[in-house]
Protein backbone atom coordinates (compact mmCIF):
# COMPACT_ATOMS: atom_id res chain seq x y z
CA MET A 1 0.00 0.00 0.00
CA LEU A 2 2.72 2.52 0.95
CA ALA A 3 4.84 1.59 -2.07
CA GLU A 4 1.83 2.27 -4.28
CA MET A 5 1.34 5.68 -2.65
CA VAL A 6 5.02 6.54 -3.21
CA GLN A 7 4.78 5.45 -6.83
CA ALA A 8 1.63 7.58 -7.29
CA GLY A 9 3.41 10.58 -5.77
CA THR A 10 0.98 10.95 -2.84
CA LEU A 11 3.61 9.92 -0.26
CA PRO A 12 7.32 10.83 -0.19
CA PRO A 13 9.83 7.94 -0.31
CA VAL A 14 10.87 6.53 3.06
CA GLU A 15 14.31 8.18 2.75
CA GLU A 16 12.60 11.57 2.81
CA ARG A 17 10.37 10.66 5.76
CA LEU A 18 13.09 9.47 8.14
CA PRO A 19 14.65 11.87 10.66
CA VAL A 20 18.24 13.01 10.16
CA ASP A 21 19.45 10.83 13.04
CA PRO A 22 16.96 7.96 13.42
CA MET A 23 17.00 5.91 16.62
CA VAL A 24 17.85 2.27 15.98
CA ILE A 25 16.96 -0.17 18.75
CA GLU A 26 18.69 -3.53 18.65
CA PRO A 27 16.82 -6.51 20.09
CA ILE A 28 18.21 -8.04 23.29
CA ALA A 29 18.56 -11.51 21.80
CA GLU A 30 16.57 -12.10 18.64
CA VAL A 31 13.18 -11.56 17.11
CA GLY A 32 10.71 -13.59 19.13
CA ASN A 33 7.71 -15.70 18.28
CA TYR A 34 4.46 -13.92 18.92
CA CYS A 35 0.92 -15.15 19.27
CA ASP A 36 -2.44 -13.41 19.24
CA THR A 37 -2.57 -13.02 23.04
CA TRP A 38 -1.12 -9.85 24.52
CA LEU A 39 0.04 -10.26 28.13
CA ARG A 40 0.79 -7.00 29.87
CA CYS A 41 1.92 -5.95 33.33
CA GLU A 42 -0.23 -2.81 33.52
CA THR A 43 -3.89 -3.34 34.32
CA ASN A 44 -4.95 0.25 34.94
CA PRO A 45 -6.41 1.58 31.65
CA GLY A 46 -4.86 5.00 32.33
CA HIS A 47 -1.39 3.50 32.64
CA VAL A 48 -1.86 1.44 29.49
CA ALA A 49 -3.00 4.51 27.54
CA ALA A 50 -0.06 6.53 28.86
CA ARG A 51 2.49 3.87 27.88
CA LEU A 52 1.02 3.24 24.44
CA GLY A 53 -0.13 6.76 23.63
CA ALA A 54 2.93 8.78 24.61
CA GLU A 55 6.65 8.56 24.05
CA PRO A 56 8.95 9.81 26.86
CA LEU A 57 11.69 12.41 26.37
CA VAL A 58 14.30 10.03 27.79
CA MET A 59 14.45 6.32 28.57
CA TRP A 60 16.43 3.93 30.74
CA ASP A 61 19.07 1.56 29.41
CA ARG A 62 18.40 -2.18 29.65
CA ASP A 63 19.88 -2.34 33.15
CA ALA A 64 17.85 0.69 34.32
CA LYS A 65 21.05 2.43 35.45
CA THR A 66 21.62 5.08 32.78
CA ILE A 67 19.26 7.61 31.21
CA LEU A 68 19.40 7.52 27.41
CA PRO A 69 18.05 9.87 24.74
CA ASN A 70 14.63 9.13 23.32
CA LEU A 71 12.67 12.07 21.92
CA ALA A 72 15.16 14.47 23.52
CA HIS A 73 18.62 14.13 21.97
CA LYS A 74 20.35 16.17 24.69
CA TRP A 75 19.44 17.82 27.99
CA GLU A 76 20.96 19.62 30.96
CA ILE A 77 20.21 19.10 34.62
CA SER A 78 20.31 22.37 36.54
CA ALA A 79 22.20 22.74 39.81
CA ASP A 80 18.93 22.87 41.77
CA GLY A 81 17.69 19.66 40.18
């Protein structure tokens, strides 16, 4: 569908739609096998909507020890926190 839109000129090619510095996330091990059942740890609908409907400015690394860029590419922490 998207290739057809690009060919028709109604959608720019993917190279023109990517950001200058796209974030590439490497999988921990490998692509997994998925089924049609979604198991989640959040049960509060508000939490689920927040996690799926918003992207944070920064994120934690896999060990949850270091803050990494996400939407924000750089930031400063002021002396007063």
